[in-house]
Amino acid sequence: MAPHTTGDLAHAWELSPPEVSRYLAVLRRTVLLTTRRHGRYVRNTLDVPDPTAPGTGLLTAVLR
C-alpha cells in the first residue's frame, strides 16, 4: 500500500478527518500501520505481510 495522509484517506473514504484519525489510531496500536512525517504531512502506510491474517493484536484493539 502506498503512503497516504489522513486527508487523502478521508477524501477517498468519504469520512471526516477525525473519523479517519480514530481508525488509524487503532491500526497504529496493533502495529499494522507505519507513520512517517514528511514536512508538515504525516504519511500512513499499511504494514500487513498477509492481509488475511492480521492477528490477535487487531482483535484486541477493536474489542476495547
Protein backbone atom coordinates (compact mmCIF):
# COMPACT_ATOMS: atom_id res chain seq x y z
CA MET A 1 0.00 0.00 0.00
CA ALA A 2 1.30 3.45 -0.90
CA PRO A 3 1.59 6.06 1.88
CA HIS A 4 -1.38 8.41 2.30
CA THR A 5 -2.19 11.33 4.55
CA THR A 6 -5.25 11.37 6.81
CA GLY A 7 -6.79 13.96 4.49
CA ASP A 8 -6.20 11.74 1.43
CA LEU A 9 -7.89 8.82 3.14
CA ALA A 10 -10.78 10.94 4.43
CA HIS A 11 -11.47 12.16 0.91
CA ALA A 12 -11.19 8.67 -0.62
CA TRP A 13 -13.41 7.04 2.01
CA GLU A 14 -15.84 9.97 2.27
CA LEU A 15 -15.27 10.30 6.03
CA SER A 16 -14.23 13.22 8.18
CA PRO A 17 -10.51 13.51 9.05
CA PRO A 18 -11.24 12.94 12.78
CA GLU A 19 -13.04 9.67 11.95
CA VAL A 20 -10.09 8.51 9.85
CA SER A 21 -7.69 9.52 12.64
CA ARG A 22 -9.56 7.27 15.09
CA TYR A 23 -9.34 4.31 12.69
CA LEU A 24 -5.65 4.96 12.09
CA ALA A 25 -5.00 5.11 15.84
CA VAL A 26 -6.43 1.60 16.20
CA LEU A 27 -4.19 0.34 13.41
CA ARG A 28 -1.13 2.03 14.97
CA ARG A 29 -1.81 0.31 18.31
CA THR A 30 -1.83 -3.05 16.55
CA VAL A 31 1.43 -2.29 14.72
CA LEU A 32 -0.35 -2.65 11.38
CA LEU A 33 0.34 0.95 10.41
CA THR A 34 3.61 2.76 9.89
CA THR A 35 3.62 6.55 10.06
CA ARG A 36 6.34 8.85 8.77
CA ARG A 37 6.48 12.63 8.87
CA HIS A 38 7.34 14.43 5.63
CA GLY A 39 7.46 18.14 6.38
CA ARG A 40 4.04 19.12 7.66
CA TYR A 41 2.41 15.90 6.45
CA VAL A 42 2.24 12.52 8.14
CA ARG A 43 2.17 9.62 5.69
CA ASN A 44 0.42 6.42 6.79
CA THR A 45 1.36 3.06 5.30
CA LEU A 46 -0.44 -0.20 5.99
CA ASP A 47 2.14 -2.79 7.03
CA VAL A 48 0.47 -6.18 6.79
CA PRO A 49 2.50 -9.09 5.42
CA ASP A 50 -0.64 -11.21 4.98
CA PRO A 51 -3.82 -9.10 4.91
CA THR A 52 -5.99 -12.16 5.53
CA ALA A 53 -4.37 -12.80 8.93
CA PRO A 54 -3.95 -9.55 10.89
CA GLY A 55 -3.60 -11.43 14.17
CA THR A 56 -4.84 -11.04 17.69
CA GLY A 57 -3.48 -7.50 18.11
CA LEU A 58 -6.16 -6.15 15.79
CA LEU A 59 -8.93 -8.07 17.54
CA THR A 60 -7.74 -6.85 20.94
CA ALA A 61 -7.67 -3.21 19.81
CA VAL A 62 -11.06 -3.39 18.11
CA LEU A 63 -12.76 -5.09 21.04
CA ARG A 64 -11.57 -2.48 23.59
